[in-house]
Amino acid sequence: MLGGISLWQLAIVLVIIILLFGTKNCATLAATLAVRLKASRKL
């Protein structure tokens, strides 16, 4: 796994993040992160 992180722990963290920030903010954050990752790979 990812440095000792199981799939269940990752799922729980994602659920907590969604509850804290809301689905709309998470979708915006994910889209922004995807755009930045694509831009950094072009460099």
N, C-alpha and C. Protein backbone atom coordinates (compact mmCIF):
# COMPACT_ATOMS: atom_id res chain seq x y z
N MET A 1 0.83 -1.20 0.00
CA MET A 1 0.00 0.00 0.00
C MET A 1 0.87 1.26 0.00
N LEU A 2 0.25 2.38 0.12
CA LEU A 2 0.94 3.66 0.07
C LEU A 2 1.55 4.02 1.41
N GLY A 3 2.72 3.50 1.70
CA GLY A 3 3.40 3.82 2.95
C GLY A 3 2.63 3.38 4.17
N GLY A 4 1.95 2.26 4.10
CA GLY A 4 1.22 1.74 5.26
C GLY A 4 -0.22 2.24 5.34
N ILE A 5 -0.69 2.95 4.33
CA ILE A 5 -2.07 3.44 4.32
C ILE A 5 -2.93 2.43 3.57
N SER A 6 -3.94 1.90 4.23
CA SER A 6 -4.82 0.94 3.58
C SER A 6 -5.90 1.67 2.79
N LEU A 7 -6.60 0.91 1.96
CA LEU A 7 -7.66 1.48 1.14
C LEU A 7 -8.79 2.03 2.02
N TRP A 8 -9.09 1.35 3.13
CA TRP A 8 -10.15 1.82 4.03
C TRP A 8 -9.78 3.15 4.67
N GLN A 9 -8.53 3.30 5.08
CA GLN A 9 -8.11 4.56 5.69
C GLN A 9 -8.19 5.71 4.69
N LEU A 10 -7.79 5.43 3.45
CA LEU A 10 -7.87 6.45 2.41
C LEU A 10 -9.32 6.84 2.14
N ALA A 11 -10.22 5.87 2.11
CA ALA A 11 -11.64 6.14 1.88
C ALA A 11 -12.22 6.98 3.02
N ILE A 12 -11.85 6.69 4.25
CA ILE A 12 -12.35 7.45 5.40
C ILE A 12 -11.86 8.89 5.34
N VAL A 13 -10.60 9.09 4.99
CA VAL A 13 -10.06 10.45 4.87
C VAL A 13 -10.80 11.21 3.77
N LEU A 14 -11.07 10.57 2.64
CA LEU A 14 -11.78 11.24 1.55
C LEU A 14 -13.20 11.62 1.97
N VAL A 15 -13.87 10.75 2.71
CA VAL A 15 -15.22 11.07 3.19
C VAL A 15 -15.18 12.26 4.13
N ILE A 16 -14.22 12.31 5.02
CA ILE A 16 -14.09 13.44 5.96
C ILE A 16 -13.83 14.74 5.20
N ILE A 17 -12.97 14.69 4.19
CA ILE A 17 -12.68 15.90 3.40
C ILE A 17 -13.94 16.37 2.69
N ILE A 18 -14.70 15.44 2.12
CA ILE A 18 -15.94 15.82 1.42
C ILE A 18 -16.94 16.42 2.40
N LEU A 19 -17.03 15.86 3.60
CA LEU A 19 -17.95 16.41 4.59
C LEU A 19 -17.54 17.80 5.04
N LEU A 20 -16.23 18.03 5.16
CA LEU A 20 -15.75 19.33 5.62
C LEU A 20 -15.90 20.42 4.57
N PHE A 21 -15.56 20.10 3.34
CA PHE A 21 -15.52 21.13 2.30
C PHE A 21 -16.74 21.14 1.40
N GLY A 22 -17.53 20.10 1.40
CA GLY A 22 -18.69 20.03 0.52
C GLY A 22 -18.30 19.52 -0.85
N THR A 23 -19.28 18.97 -1.57
CA THR A 23 -18.98 18.35 -2.85
C THR A 23 -18.61 19.37 -3.92
N LYS A 24 -19.22 20.56 -3.88
CA LYS A 24 -18.94 21.57 -4.91
C LYS A 24 -17.49 22.06 -4.78
N ASN A 25 -17.07 22.35 -3.56
CA ASN A 25 -15.70 22.82 -3.35
C ASN A 25 -14.69 21.73 -3.69
N CYS A 26 -15.00 20.48 -3.38
CA CYS A 26 -14.09 19.37 -3.69
C CYS A 26 -13.96 19.19 -5.19
N ALA A 27 -15.06 19.34 -5.93
CA ALA A 27 -15.02 19.21 -7.38
C ALA A 27 -14.17 20.33 -7.98
N THR A 28 -14.33 21.54 -7.47
CA THR A 28 -13.53 22.67 -7.96
C THR A 28 -12.07 22.47 -7.63
N LEU A 29 -11.78 22.01 -6.44
CA LEU A 29 -10.41 21.76 -6.03
C LEU A 29 -9.77 20.66 -6.88
N ALA A 30 -10.50 19.60 -7.15
CA ALA A 30 -9.98 18.50 -7.97
C ALA A 30 -9.72 18.96 -9.40
N ALA A 31 -10.61 19.77 -9.95
CA ALA A 31 -10.41 20.28 -11.31
C ALA A 31 -9.20 21.18 -11.38
N THR A 32 -9.02 22.04 -10.40
CA THR A 32 -7.86 22.92 -10.36
C THR A 32 -6.57 22.13 -10.23
N LEU A 33 -6.59 21.12 -9.39
CA LEU A 33 -5.42 20.27 -9.21
C LEU A 33 -5.07 19.53 -10.49
N ALA A 34 -6.08 19.04 -11.20
CA ALA A 34 -5.84 18.34 -12.46
C ALA A 34 -5.22 19.26 -13.50
N VAL A 35 -5.71 20.48 -13.59
CA VAL A 35 -5.16 21.45 -14.55
C VAL A 35 -3.71 21.76 -14.21
N ARG A 36 -3.41 21.94 -12.95
CA ARG A 36 -2.03 22.25 -12.53
C ARG A 36 -1.09 21.07 -12.77
N LEU A 37 -1.59 19.84 -12.56
CA LEU A 37 -0.76 18.67 -12.83
C LEU A 37 -0.44 18.54 -14.32
N LYS A 38 -1.46 18.80 -15.15
CA LYS A 38 -1.24 18.73 -16.60
C LYS A 38 -0.25 19.80 -17.04
N ALA A 39 -0.35 20.99 -16.46
CA ALA A 39 0.56 22.08 -16.82
C ALA A 39 1.98 21.77 -16.36
N SER A 40 2.14 21.14 -15.22
CA SER A 40 3.48 20.84 -14.72
C SER A 40 4.13 19.72 -15.53
N ARG A 41 3.34 18.81 -16.09
CA ARG A 41 3.89 17.74 -16.89
C ARG A 41 4.38 18.24 -18.26
N LYS A 42 3.82 19.35 -18.73
CA LYS A 42 4.23 19.91 -20.01
C LYS A 42 5.58 20.60 -19.92
N LEU A 43 6.00 20.95 -18.70
CA LEU A 43 7.28 21.66 -18.51
C LEU A 43 8.46 20.78 -18.76
